[in-house]
Amino acid sequence: MSAAGVKNRAAVLFAVLVLAVTAACTGGDGSSPSSTSSSPRTGGSADVLAVKIDNVAPARPHTGLEQADVVYVEQVEAGLSRILAVYSSDLPPVIGPVRSARETDLELLRQFDRPTLAFSGAQSRLLPVIDRAPLDPVPPSKAPQAYFRGPDRPAPHNLYLRPERIPFTASGVNAVAELGLKVGAPPPGGEPEDSRTVRYPSASVTFTWAADGEQWLVSLDGSPARTAEGERIGAGTVVVQDVDVRESDFRDRSGNNTPFTETVGSGDAVVLRDGRAYDARWSRSSADADTVFSTPDGRRVDLADGPLWILYAPRG
């Protein structure tokens, strides 16, 4: 099939996804749907929507990922990776495939002011922890009309969210503002960088600089990451954040331990922007504090235009 044919087929599938409707919207990945206990809002709608997104080959291409303000990549069971995409400035009509939440997400999201979290479900022991967290959980059990299963791939890689059908309104302000970050000039120094790969035990993410588009093109597990319409997914700034990844108290159905990524603390980081790599430090004093990125001499690191990708890379 020609490249044009592949692109047209992807566009057709996307249209089918938007129109598809299903009554069955369970977690679909061996996890239990969240409980239906209420989680009252404080001060109205949250400013950001975080969506847990599948990141294995059968789940690609992703839908709506290119419109996220911030994309987090973290390690999960069996050495695979999963995505947490954060939206605020704009919302696509469909986002997915949606998968289950992890304990790591709860600490990570404390950086935002009571975010809305969309996810397919979670381990039964984690559900009450999610309900106690300072966020608004919106799994299929709480918003069944917002989720549907697409016909183009098998479960559990086919659950999608229509964000307009959940109690969330985009603020129109980029989510990086809630992280205390802003777009600005690059720090001095840095080294020219054409490509950078972050490896997990069973997954990888590669960023390749495209000067003509002034962005880092994303590849997942060695294959170009594309939108549902077939376009390449890119990032304006990439942060590779060295973190400790330890065992948690939770396991999946197969008995694999769920890793917990420690996002409170400090360590080294690399910031990729404008075709250069900058050595940096990250620090986060507590769970309700923002993560600060600075140069080795203490200068704040600002972002380039475009989506921000933050990858939690296990310390060697």
C-alpha atoms as a PDB file:
ATOM      1  CA  MET A   1       0.000   0.000   0.000  1.00  0.00           C
ATOM      2  CA  SER A   2       1.277   3.520  -0.833  1.00  0.00           C
ATOM      3  CA  ALA A   3       2.060   6.131   1.827  1.00  0.00           C
ATOM      4  CA  ALA A   4      -1.027   8.061   0.714  1.00  0.00           C
ATOM      5  CA  GLY A   5      -3.147   4.942   1.080  1.00  0.00           C
ATOM      6  CA  VAL A   6      -1.862   4.321   4.601  1.00  0.00           C
ATOM      7  CA  LYS A   7      -2.608   7.911   5.538  1.00  0.00           C
ATOM      8  CA  ASN A   8      -6.131   7.731   4.082  1.00  0.00           C
ATOM      9  CA  ARG A   9      -6.823   4.471   5.886  1.00  0.00           C
ATOM     10  CA  ALA A  10      -5.696   6.047   9.177  1.00  0.00           C
ATOM     11  CA  ALA A  11      -8.010   8.997   8.573  1.00  0.00           C
ATOM     12  CA  VAL A  12     -10.960   6.674   7.953  1.00  0.00           C
ATOM     13  CA  LEU A  13     -10.245   4.724  11.128  1.00  0.00           C
ATOM     14  CA  PHE A  14     -10.090   7.971  13.084  1.00  0.00           C
ATOM     15  CA  ALA A  15     -13.503   8.977  11.768  1.00  0.00           C
ATOM     16  CA  VAL A  16     -14.899   5.584  12.772  1.00  0.00           C
ATOM     17  CA  LEU A  17     -13.501   6.043  16.279  1.00  0.00           C
ATOM     18  CA  VAL A  18     -15.193   9.391  16.703  1.00  0.00           C
ATOM     19  CA  LEU A  19     -18.569   7.950  15.665  1.00  0.00           C
ATOM     20  CA  ALA A  20     -18.331   4.579  17.410  1.00  0.00           C
ATOM     21  CA  VAL A  21     -20.483   3.993  20.457  1.00  0.00           C
ATOM     22  CA  THR A  22     -20.395   1.115  22.880  1.00  0.00           C
ATOM     23  CA  ALA A  23     -22.252   0.249  26.032  1.00  0.00           C
ATOM     24  CA  ALA A  24     -19.435  -1.808  27.540  1.00  0.00           C
ATOM     25  CA  CYS A  25     -16.750   0.453  28.959  1.00  0.00           C
ATOM     26  CA  THR A  26     -14.902  -1.606  31.561  1.00  0.00           C
ATOM     27  CA  GLY A  27     -11.175  -1.308  32.276  1.00  0.00           C
ATOM     28  CA  GLY A  28     -10.458  -4.086  29.768  1.00  0.00           C
ATOM     29  CA  ASP A  29      -6.893  -4.759  30.920  1.00  0.00           C
ATOM     30  CA  GLY A  30      -7.504  -6.972  33.907  1.00  0.00           C
ATOM     31  CA  SER A  31      -7.993  -4.029  36.260  1.00  0.00           C
ATOM     32  CA  SER A  32     -11.132  -3.191  38.175  1.00  0.00           C
ATOM     33  CA  PRO A  33     -13.164  -0.089  37.291  1.00  0.00           C
ATOM     34  CA  SER A  34     -12.981   2.657  39.872  1.00  0.00           C
ATOM     35  CA  SER A  35     -15.559   2.771  42.624  1.00  0.00           C
ATOM     36  CA  THR A  36     -18.506   5.113  42.239  1.00  0.00           C
ATOM     37  CA  SER A  37     -17.970   6.988  45.500  1.00  0.00           C
ATOM     38  CA  SER A  38     -18.148  10.720  44.951  1.00  0.00           C
ATOM     39  CA  SER A  39     -15.090  12.945  44.891  1.00  0.00           C
ATOM     40  CA  PRO A  40     -16.439  16.476  45.452  1.00  0.00           C
ATOM     41  CA  ARG A  41     -14.788  19.279  43.541  1.00  0.00           C
ATOM     42  CA  THR A  42     -13.221  22.159  45.376  1.00  0.00           C
ATOM     43  CA  GLY A  43     -13.619  25.427  43.548  1.00  0.00           C
ATOM     44  CA  GLY A  44     -15.222  24.098  40.365  1.00  0.00           C
ATOM     45  CA  SER A  45     -13.605  22.359  37.412  1.00  0.00           C
ATOM     46  CA  ALA A  46      -9.954  21.409  37.537  1.00  0.00           C
ATOM     47  CA  ASP A  47      -7.503  23.331  35.399  1.00  0.00           C
ATOM     48  CA  VAL A  48      -5.920  20.309  33.711  1.00  0.00           C
ATOM     49  CA  LEU A  49      -7.060  16.960  32.376  1.00  0.00           C
ATOM     50  CA  ALA A  50      -4.617  14.059  32.702  1.00  0.00           C
ATOM     51  CA  VAL A  51      -5.281  10.936  30.639  1.00  0.00           C
ATOM     52  CA  LYS A  52      -3.481   7.615  31.158  1.00  0.00           C
ATOM     53  CA  ILE A  53      -2.581   6.313  27.702  1.00  0.00           C
ATOM     54  CA  ASP A  54      -1.473   2.902  26.471  1.00  0.00           C
ATOM     55  CA  ASN A  55       2.013   2.733  24.963  1.00  0.00           C
ATOM     56  CA  VAL A  56       2.582  -0.666  23.382  1.00  0.00           C
ATOM     57  CA  ALA A  57       2.599  -1.436  19.659  1.00  0.00           C
ATOM     58  CA  PRO A  58      -1.063  -2.632  19.431  1.00  0.00           C
ATOM     59  CA  ALA A  59      -2.170   0.718  20.915  1.00  0.00           C
ATOM     60  CA  ARG A  60      -0.593   2.823  18.174  1.00  0.00           C
ATOM     61  CA  PRO A  61      -1.126   5.178  16.495  1.00  0.00           C
ATOM     62  CA  HIS A  62      -2.318   7.242  19.419  1.00  0.00           C
ATOM     63  CA  THR A  63      -5.307   9.540  19.100  1.00  0.00           C
ATOM     64  CA  GLY A  64      -5.139  13.110  20.406  1.00  0.00           C
ATOM     65  CA  LEU A  65      -1.684  12.751  21.961  1.00  0.00           C
ATOM     66  CA  GLU A  66      -0.244  15.472  19.724  1.00  0.00           C
ATOM     67  CA  GLN A  67      -2.511  18.088  21.376  1.00  0.00           C
ATOM     68  CA  ALA A  68      -1.265  17.436  24.920  1.00  0.00           C
ATOM     69  CA  ASP A  69       0.573  20.296  26.624  1.00  0.00           C
ATOM     70  CA  VAL A  70       2.721  17.909  28.672  1.00  0.00           C
ATOM     71  CA  VAL A  71       3.478  14.230  28.018  1.00  0.00           C
ATOM     72  CA  TYR A  72       4.986  12.119  30.814  1.00  0.00           C
ATOM     73  CA  VAL A  73       6.536   8.710  30.115  1.00  0.00           C
ATOM     74  CA  GLU A  74       7.037   6.317  33.021  1.00  0.00           C
ATOM     75  CA  GLN A  75       8.006   2.683  33.546  1.00  0.00           C
ATOM     76  CA  VAL A  76       5.315   0.112  34.360  1.00  0.00           C
ATOM     77  CA  GLU A  77       5.199  -3.662  34.782  1.00  0.00           C
ATOM     78  CA  ALA A  78       7.462  -5.963  32.749  1.00  0.00           C
ATOM     79  CA  GLY A  79       9.743  -3.049  31.886  1.00  0.00           C
ATOM     80  CA  LEU A  80       7.203  -1.461  29.539  1.00  0.00           C
ATOM     81  CA  SER A  81       6.343   2.234  29.431  1.00  0.00           C
ATOM     82  CA  ARG A  82       3.075   4.096  29.710  1.00  0.00           C
ATOM     83  CA  ILE A  83       2.057   7.684  29.019  1.00  0.00           C
ATOM     84  CA  LEU A  84       0.289  10.285  31.131  1.00  0.00           C
ATOM     85  CA  ALA A  85      -0.845  13.113  28.844  1.00  0.00           C
ATOM     86  CA  VAL A  86      -1.893  16.467  30.339  1.00  0.00           C
ATOM     87  CA  TYR A  87      -4.281  18.837  28.552  1.00  0.00           C
ATOM     88  CA  SER A  88      -5.308  22.391  29.364  1.00  0.00           C
ATOM     89  CA  SER A  89      -4.838  24.782  26.445  1.00  0.00           C
ATOM     90  CA  ASP A  90      -6.813  22.650  23.976  1.00  0.00           C
ATOM     91  CA  LEU A  91      -8.826  19.443  23.909  1.00  0.00           C
ATOM     92  CA  PRO A  92      -9.034  17.011  20.982  1.00  0.00           C
ATOM     93  CA  PRO A  93     -12.417  15.367  20.325  1.00  0.00           C
ATOM     94  CA  VAL A  94     -11.039  11.893  21.122  1.00  0.00           C
ATOM     95  CA  ILE A  95      -8.093  10.728  23.276  1.00  0.00           C
ATOM     96  CA  GLY A  96      -6.668   7.256  23.640  1.00  0.00           C
ATOM     97  CA  PRO A  97      -6.295   4.377  23.941  1.00  0.00           C
ATOM     98  CA  VAL A  98      -6.984   4.872  27.654  1.00  0.00           C
ATOM     99  CA  ARG A  99      -5.470   2.455  30.179  1.00  0.00           C
ATOM    100  CA  SER A 100      -5.289   1.958  33.927  1.00  0.00           C
ATOM    101  CA  ALA A 101      -3.776   4.286  36.523  1.00  0.00           C
ATOM    102  CA  ARG A 102      -0.713   3.636  38.662  1.00  0.00           C
ATOM    103  CA  GLU A 103       0.412   4.772  42.115  1.00  0.00           C
ATOM    104  CA  THR A 104       3.143   6.887  40.484  1.00  0.00           C
ATOM    105  CA  ASP A 105       0.469   9.042  38.818  1.00  0.00           C
ATOM    106  CA  LEU A 106      -0.922  10.193  42.149  1.00  0.00           C
ATOM    107  CA  GLU A 107       2.335  11.714  43.383  1.00  0.00           C
ATOM    108  CA  LEU A 108       3.210  13.092  39.950  1.00  0.00           C
ATOM    109  CA  LEU A 109      -0.140  14.877  39.625  1.00  0.00           C
ATOM    110  CA  ARG A 110       0.180  16.612  43.003  1.00  0.00           C
ATOM    111  CA  GLN A 111       2.090  19.279  41.027  1.00  0.00           C
ATOM    112  CA  PHE A 112      -1.245  20.401  39.577  1.00  0.00           C
ATOM    113  CA  ASP A 113      -4.166  22.020  41.400  1.00  0.00           C
ATOM    114  CA  ARG A 114      -6.730  19.225  41.709  1.00  0.00           C
ATOM    115  CA  PRO A 115      -6.478  17.778  38.185  1.00  0.00           C
ATOM    116  CA  THR A 116      -9.064  15.586  36.519  1.00  0.00           C
ATOM    117  CA  LEU A 117      -7.712  12.070  35.870  1.00  0.00           C
ATOM    118  CA  ALA A 118      -9.215   9.910  33.112  1.00  0.00           C
ATOM    119  CA  PHE A 119      -8.244   6.229  33.247  1.00  0.00           C
ATOM    120  CA  SER A 120      -9.736   2.835  32.441  1.00  0.00           C
ATOM    121  CA  GLY A 121      -9.543   1.443  35.986  1.00  0.00           C
ATOM    122  CA  ALA A 122      -6.954   0.333  38.531  1.00  0.00           C
ATOM    123  CA  GLN A 123      -6.007  -2.513  40.808  1.00  0.00           C
ATOM    124  CA  SER A 124      -8.683  -2.997  43.466  1.00  0.00           C
ATOM    125  CA  ARG A 125      -6.300  -2.108  46.329  1.00  0.00           C
ATOM    126  CA  LEU A 126      -5.309   1.112  44.576  1.00  0.00           C
ATOM    127  CA  LEU A 127      -8.859   2.351  43.987  1.00  0.00           C
ATOM    128  CA  PRO A 128      -9.438   3.743  47.516  1.00  0.00           C
ATOM    129  CA  VAL A 129      -6.033   5.444  47.324  1.00  0.00           C
ATOM    130  CA  ILE A 130      -7.108   7.147  44.099  1.00  0.00           C
ATOM    131  CA  ASP A 131     -10.409   8.236  45.658  1.00  0.00           C
ATOM    132  CA  ARG A 132      -8.527   9.820  48.593  1.00  0.00           C
ATOM    133  CA  ALA A 133      -6.040  11.625  46.350  1.00  0.00           C
ATOM    134  CA  PRO A 134      -6.444  15.391  45.695  1.00  0.00           C
ATOM    135  CA  LEU A 135      -7.758  14.897  42.174  1.00  0.00           C
ATOM    136  CA  ASP A 136     -11.041  14.193  40.398  1.00  0.00           C
ATOM    137  CA  PRO A 137     -11.056  10.614  39.058  1.00  0.00           C
ATOM    138  CA  VAL A 138     -13.222  10.022  35.976  1.00  0.00           C
ATOM    139  CA  PRO A 139     -13.073   6.351  34.932  1.00  0.00           C
ATOM    140  CA  PRO A 140     -15.790   4.744  32.749  1.00  0.00           C
ATOM    141  CA  SER A 141     -17.861   3.838  35.825  1.00  0.00           C
ATOM    142  CA  LYS A 142     -18.346   7.543  36.561  1.00  0.00           C
ATOM    143  CA  ALA A 143     -18.772   8.770  32.991  1.00  0.00           C
ATOM    144  CA  PRO A 144     -19.946   5.827  30.849  1.00  0.00           C
ATOM    145  CA  GLN A 145     -21.112   8.077  28.003  1.00  0.00           C
ATOM    146  CA  ALA A 146     -17.627   9.573  27.685  1.00  0.00           C
ATOM    147  CA  TYR A 147     -15.899   6.317  26.758  1.00  0.00           C
ATOM    148  CA  PHE A 148     -16.230   3.985  23.787  1.00  0.00           C
ATOM    149  CA  ARG A 149     -14.385   1.075  22.261  1.00  0.00           C
ATOM    150  CA  GLY A 150     -13.023   1.445  18.754  1.00  0.00           C
ATOM    151  CA  PRO A 151     -13.505  -1.329  16.186  1.00  0.00           C
ATOM    152  CA  ASP A 152     -10.020  -1.272  14.655  1.00  0.00           C
ATOM    153  CA  ARG A 153      -8.041  -3.072  17.373  1.00  0.00           C
ATOM    154  CA  PRO A 154      -8.633  -5.618  20.139  1.00  0.00           C
ATOM    155  CA  ALA A 155      -9.263  -4.893  23.821  1.00  0.00           C
ATOM    156  CA  PRO A 156      -7.682  -3.662  25.986  1.00  0.00           C
ATOM    157  CA  HIS A 157      -6.036  -1.398  23.399  1.00  0.00           C
ATOM    158  CA  ASN A 158      -9.261   0.160  22.062  1.00  0.00           C
ATOM    159  CA  LEU A 159     -10.828   2.245  24.852  1.00  0.00           C
ATOM    160  CA  TYR A 160     -11.190   5.936  23.951  1.00  0.00           C
ATOM    161  CA  LEU A 161     -12.318   9.081  25.762  1.00  0.00           C
ATOM    162  CA  ARG A 162     -14.517  11.903  24.489  1.00  0.00           C
ATOM    163  CA  PRO A 163     -13.345  14.657  26.865  1.00  0.00           C
ATOM    164  CA  GLU A 164     -16.308  16.918  26.065  1.00  0.00           C
ATOM    165  CA  ARG A 165     -18.520  14.400  27.900  1.00  0.00           C
ATOM    166  CA  ILE A 166     -16.767  14.604  31.270  1.00  0.00           C
ATOM    167  CA  PRO A 167     -17.082  17.419  33.837  1.00  0.00           C
ATOM    168  CA  PHE A 168     -14.011  19.298  32.651  1.00  0.00           C
ATOM    169  CA  THR A 169     -13.493  22.578  30.830  1.00  0.00           C
ATOM    170  CA  ALA A 170     -10.110  23.441  29.363  1.00  0.00           C
ATOM    171  CA  SER A 171      -8.706  26.667  30.775  1.00  0.00           C
ATOM    172  CA  GLY A 172      -7.110  27.673  27.491  1.00  0.00           C
ATOM    173  CA  VAL A 173      -3.815  28.206  29.334  1.00  0.00           C
ATOM    174  CA  ASN A 174      -0.894  25.860  28.694  1.00  0.00           C
ATOM    175  CA  ALA A 175      -0.516  23.329  31.511  1.00  0.00           C
ATOM    176  CA  VAL A 176       3.192  24.124  31.873  1.00  0.00           C
ATOM    177  CA  ALA A 177       2.130  27.319  33.661  1.00  0.00           C
ATOM    178  CA  GLU A 178       0.829  25.228  36.575  1.00  0.00           C
ATOM    179  CA  LEU A 179       4.260  23.601  36.788  1.00  0.00           C
ATOM    180  CA  GLY A 180       5.935  26.961  37.246  1.00  0.00           C
ATOM    181  CA  LEU A 181       7.554  26.704  33.803  1.00  0.00           C
ATOM    182  CA  LYS A 182       7.478  29.117  30.889  1.00  0.00           C
ATOM    183  CA  VAL A 183       8.636  29.544  27.318  1.00  0.00           C
ATOM    184  CA  GLY A 184      11.824  31.578  27.046  1.00  0.00           C
ATOM    185  CA  ALA A 185      15.332  31.795  25.702  1.00  0.00           C
ATOM    186  CA  PRO A 186      17.616  28.765  26.018  1.00  0.00           C
ATOM    187  CA  PRO A 187      20.305  28.730  28.707  1.00  0.00           C
ATOM    188  CA  PRO A 188      23.877  29.426  27.644  1.00  0.00           C
ATOM    189  CA  GLY A 189      26.075  26.579  26.467  1.00  0.00           C
ATOM    190  CA  GLY A 190      24.722  23.185  25.600  1.00  0.00           C
ATOM    191  CA  GLU A 191      25.974  20.714  23.032  1.00  0.00           C
ATOM    192  CA  PRO A 192      24.605  20.041  19.540  1.00  0.00           C
ATOM    193  CA  GLU A 193      22.318  16.994  19.623  1.00  0.00           C
ATOM    194  CA  ASP A 194      20.763  15.158  16.683  1.00  0.00           C
ATOM    195  CA  SER A 195      19.135  12.278  18.558  1.00  0.00           C
ATOM    196  CA  ARG A 196      18.584  11.008  22.090  1.00  0.00           C
ATOM    197  CA  THR A 197      17.138   7.644  23.166  1.00  0.00           C
ATOM    198  CA  VAL A 198      15.703   6.830  26.586  1.00  0.00           C
ATOM    199  CA  ARG A 199      15.607   3.100  27.281  1.00  0.00           C
ATOM    200  CA  TYR A 200      13.442   1.109  29.646  1.00  0.00           C
ATOM    201  CA  PRO A 201      13.909  -2.646  30.204  1.00  0.00           C
ATOM    202  CA  SER A 202      11.335  -3.482  27.493  1.00  0.00           C
ATOM    203  CA  ALA A 203      10.688  -0.153  25.757  1.00  0.00           C
ATOM    204  CA  SER A 204      12.407   2.895  24.305  1.00  0.00           C
ATOM    205  CA  VAL A 205      11.639   6.466  23.255  1.00  0.00           C
ATOM    206  CA  THR A 206      13.824   8.289  20.715  1.00  0.00           C
ATOM    207  CA  PHE A 207      13.823  11.995  19.867  1.00  0.00           C
ATOM    208  CA  THR A 208      15.361  13.145  16.585  1.00  0.00           C
ATOM    209  CA  TRP A 209      15.906  16.835  15.879  1.00  0.00           C
ATOM    210  CA  ALA A 210      14.163  18.146  12.761  1.00  0.00           C
ATOM    211  CA  ALA A 211      15.558  21.606  12.089  1.00  0.00           C
ATOM    212  CA  ASP A 212      13.075  22.340   9.307  1.00  0.00           C
ATOM    213  CA  GLY A 213      10.148  21.900  11.691  1.00  0.00           C
ATOM    214  CA  GLU A 214      12.023  23.100  14.772  1.00  0.00           C
ATOM    215  CA  GLN A 215      10.875  20.117  16.806  1.00  0.00           C
ATOM    216  CA  TRP A 216      12.005  16.779  18.177  1.00  0.00           C
ATOM    217  CA  LEU A 217      10.330  13.968  16.235  1.00  0.00           C
ATOM    218  CA  VAL A 218       9.235  11.125  18.497  1.00  0.00           C
ATOM    219  CA  SER A 219       9.817   7.406  17.880  1.00  0.00           C
ATOM    220  CA  LEU A 220       8.398   4.715  20.163  1.00  0.00           C
ATOM    221  CA  ASP A 221      10.158   1.356  20.381  1.00  0.00           C
ATOM    222  CA  GLY A 222      12.048   2.205  17.194  1.00  0.00           C
ATOM    223  CA  SER A 223       9.016   3.177  15.089  1.00  0.00           C
ATOM    224  CA  PRO A 224       7.983   6.752  14.217  1.00  0.00           C
ATOM    225  CA  ALA A 225       5.176   7.975  16.482  1.00  0.00           C
ATOM    226  CA  ARG A 226       2.260   9.199  14.381  1.00  0.00           C
ATOM    227  CA  THR A 227      -1.103  10.783  14.907  1.00  0.00           C
ATOM    228  CA  ALA A 228      -4.316   8.985  13.957  1.00  0.00           C
ATOM    229  CA  GLU A 229      -4.152  10.925  10.679  1.00  0.00           C
ATOM    230  CA  GLY A 230      -0.618   9.702   9.953  1.00  0.00           C
ATOM    231  CA  GLU A 231       1.379  12.840  10.794  1.00  0.00           C
ATOM    232  CA  ARG A 232       4.557  12.674  12.878  1.00  0.00           C
ATOM    233  CA  ILE A 233       4.307  13.537  16.581  1.00  0.00           C
ATOM    234  CA  GLY A 234       6.844  16.068  17.808  1.00  0.00           C
ATOM    235  CA  ALA A 235       7.983  17.874  20.951  1.00  0.00           C
ATOM    236  CA  GLY A 236       9.294  21.388  21.449  1.00  0.00           C
ATOM    237  CA  THR A 237      11.231  20.534  24.620  1.00  0.00           C
ATOM    238  CA  VAL A 238      12.261  17.169  26.038  1.00  0.00           C
ATOM    239  CA  VAL A 239      13.381  16.628  29.641  1.00  0.00           C
ATOM    240  CA  VAL A 240      15.082  13.361  30.553  1.00  0.00           C
ATOM    241  CA  GLN A 241      14.810  13.199  34.330  1.00  0.00           C
ATOM    242  CA  ASP A 242      16.946  10.636  36.200  1.00  0.00           C
ATOM    243  CA  VAL A 243      14.846   9.122  38.980  1.00  0.00           C
ATOM    244  CA  ASP A 244      14.766   6.207  41.400  1.00  0.00           C
ATOM    245  CA  VAL A 245      12.348   3.452  40.400  1.00  0.00           C
ATOM    246  CA  ARG A 246      11.527   0.991  43.176  1.00  0.00           C
ATOM    247  CA  GLU A 247       9.054  -1.777  43.852  1.00  0.00           C
ATOM    248  CA  SER A 248       5.660  -0.734  45.155  1.00  0.00           C
ATOM    249  CA  ASP A 249       3.113  -2.611  47.265  1.00  0.00           C
ATOM    250  CA  PHE A 250       1.018  -3.398  44.173  1.00  0.00           C
ATOM    251  CA  ARG A 251       1.153  -6.162  41.572  1.00  0.00           C
ATOM    252  CA  ASP A 252      -0.696  -6.865  38.323  1.00  0.00           C
ATOM    253  CA  ARG A 253      -2.824  -9.955  37.589  1.00  0.00           C
ATOM    254  CA  SER A 254       0.246 -11.871  36.431  1.00  0.00           C
ATOM    255  CA  GLY A 255       2.079 -11.195  39.673  1.00  0.00           C
ATOM    256  CA  ASN A 256       4.457  -8.593  38.223  1.00  0.00           C
ATOM    257  CA  ASN A 257       5.353  -5.866  40.668  1.00  0.00           C
ATOM    258  CA  THR A 258       4.184  -2.380  39.735  1.00  0.00           C
ATOM    259  CA  PRO A 259       7.192  -0.033  39.775  1.00  0.00           C
ATOM    260  CA  PHE A 260       6.906   3.209  41.707  1.00  0.00           C
ATOM    261  CA  THR A 261       8.736   6.192  40.207  1.00  0.00           C
ATOM    262  CA  GLU A 262       9.949   8.630  42.850  1.00  0.00           C
ATOM    263  CA  THR A 263       9.271  12.134  41.550  1.00  0.00           C
ATOM    264  CA  VAL A 264      10.033  13.871  44.856  1.00  0.00           C
ATOM    265  CA  GLY A 265      13.722  14.442  45.482  1.00  0.00           C
ATOM    266  CA  SER A 266      16.515  15.659  43.234  1.00  0.00           C
ATOM    267  CA  GLY A 267      18.901  14.485  40.564  1.00  0.00           C
ATOM    268  CA  ASP A 268      20.412  15.027  37.165  1.00  0.00           C
ATOM    269  CA  ALA A 269      18.474  15.827  34.023  1.00  0.00           C
ATOM    270  CA  VAL A 270      19.095  16.594  30.368  1.00  0.00           C
ATOM    271  CA  VAL A 271      17.023  19.219  28.564  1.00  0.00           C
ATOM    272  CA  LEU A 272      16.707  18.958  24.786  1.00  0.00           C
ATOM    273  CA  ARG A 273      15.610  22.067  22.903  1.00  0.00           C
ATOM    274  CA  ASP A 274      16.518  23.867  19.692  1.00  0.00           C
ATOM    275  CA  GLY A 275      18.759  21.019  18.528  1.00  0.00           C
ATOM    276  CA  ARG A 276      20.972  21.165  21.615  1.00  0.00           C
ATOM    277  CA  ALA A 277      21.320  19.220  24.867  1.00  0.00           C
ATOM    278  CA  TYR A 278      21.734  21.037  28.187  1.00  0.00           C
ATOM    279  CA  ASP A 279      22.895  19.448  31.429  1.00  0.00           C
ATOM    280  CA  ALA A 280      20.490  20.311  34.222  1.00  0.00           C
ATOM    281  CA  ARG A 281      19.386  19.464  37.736  1.00  0.00           C
ATOM    282  CA  TRP A 282      15.871  18.741  38.945  1.00  0.00           C
ATOM    283  CA  SER A 283      14.530  19.155  42.465  1.00  0.00           C
ATOM    284  CA  ARG A 284      11.141  18.744  44.077  1.00  0.00           C
ATOM    285  CA  SER A 285      11.005  19.311  47.813  1.00  0.00           C
ATOM    286  CA  SER A 286       7.638  17.683  48.518  1.00  0.00           C
ATOM    287  CA  ALA A 287       4.678  16.071  46.794  1.00  0.00           C
ATOM    288  CA  ASP A 288       2.735  19.342  46.654  1.00  0.00           C
ATOM    289  CA  ALA A 289       5.695  21.311  45.265  1.00  0.00           C
ATOM    290  CA  ASP A 290       6.606  21.932  41.632  1.00  0.00           C
ATOM    291  CA  THR A 291       9.654  20.338  40.046  1.00  0.00           C
ATOM    292  CA  VAL A 292      12.349  22.940  39.434  1.00  0.00           C
ATOM    293  CA  PHE A 293      14.747  22.503  36.506  1.00  0.00           C
ATOM    294  CA  SER A 294      17.962  24.499  36.629  1.00  0.00           C
ATOM    295  CA  THR A 295      21.383  24.620  35.020  1.00  0.00           C
ATOM    296  CA  PRO A 296      24.395  23.412  37.047  1.00  0.00           C
ATOM    297  CA  ASP A 297      25.123  27.046  37.990  1.00  0.00           C
ATOM    298  CA  GLY A 298      21.568  27.566  39.259  1.00  0.00           C
ATOM    299  CA  ARG A 299      19.895  29.328  36.337  1.00  0.00           C
ATOM    300  CA  ARG A 300      16.275  28.500  35.565  1.00  0.00           C
ATOM    301  CA  VAL A 301      15.698  26.431  32.439  1.00  0.00           C
ATOM    302  CA  ASP A 302      12.970  27.773  30.158  1.00  0.00           C
ATOM    303  CA  LEU A 303      11.129  25.888  27.420  1.00  0.00           C
ATOM    304  CA  ALA A 304      10.936  26.155  23.644  1.00  0.00           C
ATOM    305  CA  ASP A 305       7.571  26.503  21.909  1.00  0.00           C
ATOM    306  CA  GLY A 306       5.660  23.263  21.466  1.00  0.00           C
ATOM    307  CA  PRO A 307       4.664  20.275  23.604  1.00  0.00           C
ATOM    308  CA  LEU A 308       6.804  19.348  26.606  1.00  0.00           C
ATOM    309  CA  TRP A 309       7.800  15.680  27.002  1.00  0.00           C
ATOM    310  CA  ILE A 310       9.178  14.566  30.377  1.00  0.00           C
ATOM    311  CA  LEU A 311      10.678  11.096  30.564  1.00  0.00           C
ATOM    312  CA  TYR A 312      11.367   9.470  33.927  1.00  0.00           C
ATOM    313  CA  ALA A 313      14.571   7.539  33.252  1.00  0.00           C
ATOM    314  CA  PRO A 314      15.579   4.946  35.879  1.00  0.00           C
ATOM    315  CA  ARG A 315      18.921   5.746  37.434  1.00  0.00           C
ATOM    316  CA  GLY A 316      21.609   3.285  36.381  1.00  0.00           C
END
